[in-house]
Amino acid sequence: MIRNRKDLRDYLSADFEAMSLTEKSMLLEFLKGNTDTVLIGKYVKCLRLYEYYYNRYQSSHSWLYGIITIVLKHIFYHKRRKLGIFIEPNCVGPGINILHPGYIWIDHSSLIGANCTILPRVLIGKKKPGLEPPLVFVGDNCYIGTNATILGPVKIGNNVTIAAGAVVLNDIPDNSIVAGIPAKVIKTK
């Protein structure tokens, strides 16, 4: 969770490092025509700024933070709809790597660790409405393939690779590769 400016800088630097981006390289990528990379970089930056000001407003109830939060919320929601990436604030740790724009849904009942790679058409949430969050725990250094579905309550360990099209309904141990419907461990790293 981003609580201060140092956390904000750390999260942004980890995110841009995971996506192999900097502020200068975003301009170069745009000039090369790689607009998807630039749009995802701007989306992640907006997500982190929104998280920072939202958390600051929740802790201080300052009217200035409230106004900034409202403005950033509208900008963030516009970017969400434009890219089809619906990640709730304070759900994803530092170092998120979104490789392509496309439908990604991570709802508020999820907590995702650091340095995770997420491909398009991923759904992470809970099975039944009304259950108390957080219900889905994804560890650090995980890779979530295209069209994967993770429905909680479930705990996924560190260094887990989830194959494309897998449906995770049960807990996954550390250092595993899972595939199938429902997902089963097919290999241990």
Protein backbone atom coordinates (compact mmCIF):
# COMPACT_ATOMS: atom_id res chain seq x y z
CA MET A 1 0.00 0.00 0.00
CA ILE A 2 1.31 3.44 -0.91
CA ARG A 3 1.38 5.62 2.20
CA ASN A 4 3.93 8.36 1.41
CA ARG A 5 5.91 9.90 -1.46
CA LYS A 6 8.81 7.48 -0.96
CA ASP A 7 6.44 4.52 -1.40
CA LEU A 8 5.01 6.19 -4.50
CA ARG A 9 8.48 6.62 -6.01
CA ASP A 10 9.42 3.04 -5.12
CA TYR A 11 6.24 1.59 -6.63
CA LEU A 12 6.56 3.64 -9.83
CA SER A 13 10.23 2.79 -10.29
CA ALA A 14 9.51 -0.92 -9.73
CA ASP A 15 6.58 -0.79 -12.19
CA PHE A 16 8.56 1.00 -14.88
CA GLU A 17 11.54 -1.32 -14.35
CA ALA A 18 9.28 -4.37 -14.76
CA MET A 19 7.86 -2.92 -17.99
CA SER A 20 11.35 -1.79 -19.15
CA LEU A 21 10.18 1.82 -19.33
CA THR A 22 11.33 5.25 -18.19
CA GLU A 23 9.82 8.67 -18.78
CA LYS A 24 12.25 9.20 -21.68
CA SER A 25 11.70 5.76 -23.17
CA MET A 26 7.92 6.33 -23.10
CA LEU A 27 8.44 9.25 -25.49
CA LEU A 28 10.73 7.13 -27.69
CA GLU A 29 8.21 4.26 -27.72
CA PHE A 30 5.49 6.72 -28.73
CA LEU A 31 7.63 8.08 -31.56
CA LYS A 32 8.34 4.50 -32.72
CA GLY A 33 4.61 3.84 -32.84
CA ASN A 34 4.39 1.53 -29.83
CA THR A 35 1.38 3.31 -28.40
CA ASP A 36 0.20 0.27 -26.43
CA THR A 37 3.32 0.34 -24.27
CA VAL A 38 2.91 4.06 -23.66
CA LEU A 39 -0.78 3.73 -22.79
CA ILE A 40 -0.10 0.93 -20.29
CA GLY A 41 2.73 2.97 -18.72
CA LYS A 42 0.43 5.97 -18.32
CA TYR A 43 -2.32 3.75 -16.93
CA VAL A 44 -0.02 2.27 -14.28
CA LYS A 45 1.29 5.73 -13.35
CA CYS A 46 -2.28 7.01 -12.99
CA LEU A 47 -3.19 3.96 -10.87
CA ARG A 48 -0.30 4.60 -8.49
CA LEU A 49 -1.06 8.34 -8.20
CA TYR A 50 -4.71 7.57 -7.51
CA GLU A 51 -3.73 5.04 -4.84
CA TYR A 52 -1.38 7.54 -3.19
CA TYR A 53 -3.89 10.39 -3.01
CA TYR A 54 -6.76 8.08 -2.06
CA ASN A 55 -4.75 6.67 0.85
CA ARG A 56 -3.62 10.15 1.90
CA TYR A 57 -7.22 11.35 1.88
CA GLN A 58 -8.38 8.34 3.91
CA SER A 59 -5.74 9.00 6.58
CA SER A 60 -5.96 12.81 6.81
CA HIS A 61 -9.43 13.73 5.49
CA SER A 62 -7.91 16.90 4.03
CA TRP A 63 -10.19 18.68 1.56
CA LEU A 64 -7.23 19.27 -0.79
CA TYR A 65 -6.46 15.53 -0.98
CA GLY A 66 -10.19 14.92 -1.46
CA ILE A 67 -10.35 17.20 -4.51
CA ILE A 68 -7.19 15.71 -6.03
CA THR A 69 -8.55 12.20 -5.38
CA ILE A 70 -11.81 13.00 -7.18
CA VAL A 71 -9.99 14.42 -10.22
CA LEU A 72 -7.57 11.46 -10.37
CA LYS A 73 -10.46 9.02 -9.95
CA HIS A 74 -12.18 10.40 -13.06
CA ILE A 75 -8.94 10.32 -15.08
CA PHE A 76 -8.21 6.79 -13.85
CA TYR A 77 -11.72 5.53 -14.67
CA HIS A 78 -11.45 7.02 -18.16
CA LYS A 79 -8.14 5.20 -18.74
CA ARG A 80 -9.69 1.98 -17.35
CA ARG A 81 -12.51 2.06 -19.86
CA LYS A 82 -10.21 3.03 -22.72
CA LEU A 83 -7.77 0.14 -22.16
CA GLY A 84 -10.17 -2.42 -20.68
CA ILE A 85 -7.91 -2.92 -17.66
CA PHE A 86 -9.99 -2.90 -14.48
CA ILE A 87 -7.60 -3.05 -11.53
CA GLU A 88 -8.94 -1.81 -8.22
CA PRO A 89 -6.67 0.48 -6.17
CA ASN A 90 -4.45 -1.05 -3.46
CA CYS A 91 -4.71 -4.58 -4.89
CA VAL A 92 -1.41 -4.93 -6.73
CA GLY A 93 2.10 -4.77 -5.28
CA PRO A 94 5.07 -3.01 -6.86
CA GLY A 95 6.54 -4.22 -10.12
CA ILE A 96 3.36 -5.04 -12.02
CA ASN A 97 4.04 -5.94 -15.65
CA ILE A 98 1.07 -5.73 -18.00
CA LEU A 99 2.36 -6.89 -21.36
CA HIS A 100 -0.58 -6.00 -23.64
CA PRO A 101 -3.74 -3.95 -23.38
CA GLY A 102 -6.86 -6.04 -23.20
CA TYR A 103 -9.49 -7.11 -20.73
CA ILE A 104 -8.01 -7.58 -17.25
CA TRP A 105 -10.25 -7.65 -14.18
CA ILE A 106 -8.76 -7.63 -10.67
CA ASP A 107 -11.41 -6.79 -8.12
CA HIS A 108 -11.08 -5.43 -4.59
CA SER A 109 -11.13 -8.91 -3.05
CA SER A 110 -7.62 -9.62 -4.36
CA LEU A 111 -4.10 -8.97 -3.11
CA ILE A 112 -1.33 -9.51 -5.65
CA GLY A 113 2.33 -9.54 -4.64
CA ALA A 114 5.36 -7.83 -6.13
CA ASN A 115 6.82 -8.38 -9.61
CA CYS A 116 3.86 -10.16 -11.17
CA THR A 117 3.28 -10.40 -14.92
CA ILE A 118 -0.31 -10.35 -16.13
CA LEU A 119 -1.45 -11.01 -19.68
CA PRO A 120 -4.79 -9.98 -21.24
CA ARG A 121 -8.17 -11.62 -20.59
CA VAL A 122 -7.40 -12.40 -16.95
CA LEU A 123 -10.11 -12.48 -14.30
CA ILE A 124 -9.19 -12.45 -10.61
CA GLY A 125 -11.99 -12.26 -8.08
CA LYS A 126 -14.28 -14.14 -5.75
CA LYS A 127 -16.71 -16.98 -6.48
CA LYS A 128 -19.70 -15.69 -4.55
CA PRO A 129 -20.87 -12.16 -3.79
CA GLY A 130 -21.00 -11.12 -0.18
CA LEU A 131 -17.79 -12.77 0.98
CA GLU A 132 -15.41 -10.46 2.83
CA PRO A 133 -12.23 -9.39 1.01
CA PRO A 134 -9.38 -10.11 0.60
CA LEU A 135 -10.03 -13.60 -0.67
CA VAL A 136 -7.45 -14.08 -3.41
CA PHE A 137 -3.80 -13.93 -2.40
CA VAL A 138 -1.23 -14.12 -5.20
CA GLY A 139 2.41 -14.31 -4.13
CA ASP A 140 5.46 -12.54 -5.52
CA ASN A 141 7.05 -13.19 -8.93
CA CYS A 142 4.00 -14.87 -10.44
CA TYR A 143 3.16 -15.15 -14.14
CA ILE A 144 -0.52 -15.23 -15.07
CA GLY A 145 -1.16 -16.36 -18.65
CA THR A 146 -3.78 -15.24 -21.13
CA ASN A 147 -7.40 -16.10 -20.37
CA ALA A 148 -6.60 -17.36 -16.86
CA THR A 149 -9.30 -17.19 -14.21
CA ILE A 150 -8.58 -17.14 -10.48
CA LEU A 151 -11.62 -17.39 -8.21
CA GLY A 152 -11.28 -17.12 -4.46
CA PRO A 153 -11.04 -17.92 -1.70
CA VAL A 154 -7.63 -19.13 -2.84
CA LYS A 155 -3.97 -18.64 -1.94
CA ILE A 156 -1.32 -18.81 -4.66
CA GLY A 157 2.30 -19.10 -3.56
CA ASN A 158 5.42 -17.30 -4.77
CA ASN A 159 7.06 -18.00 -8.16
CA VAL A 160 3.96 -19.64 -9.62
CA THR A 161 3.27 -19.83 -13.35
CA ILE A 162 -0.39 -20.07 -14.31
CA ALA A 163 -0.84 -21.35 -17.86
CA ALA A 164 -3.11 -19.80 -20.45
CA GLY A 165 -6.74 -20.73 -19.99
CA ALA A 166 -6.28 -22.18 -16.50
CA VAL A 167 -9.08 -21.87 -13.95
CA VAL A 168 -7.64 -21.73 -10.43
CA LEU A 169 -10.11 -22.75 -7.72
CA ASN A 170 -7.76 -24.31 -5.12
CA ASP A 171 -4.60 -23.25 -3.31
CA ILE A 172 -1.33 -23.48 -5.25
CA PRO A 173 2.03 -24.13 -3.49
CA ASP A 174 5.20 -22.12 -4.14
CA ASN A 175 7.34 -22.75 -7.24
CA SER A 176 4.62 -24.51 -9.23
CA ILE A 177 3.38 -24.52 -12.79
CA VAL A 178 -0.38 -25.04 -13.05
CA ALA A 179 -2.70 -25.66 -15.99
CA GLY A 180 -6.13 -27.02 -16.78
CA ILE A 181 -9.73 -26.61 -15.76
CA PRO A 182 -9.70 -26.77 -12.75
CA ALA A 183 -6.01 -25.95 -12.50
CA LYS A 184 -3.68 -28.66 -11.22
CA VAL A 185 0.03 -28.62 -10.54
CA ILE A 186 1.74 -30.11 -13.59
CA LYS A 187 5.33 -29.34 -12.64
CA THR A 188 7.39 -28.00 -9.77
CA LYS A 189 10.17 -25.54 -10.57
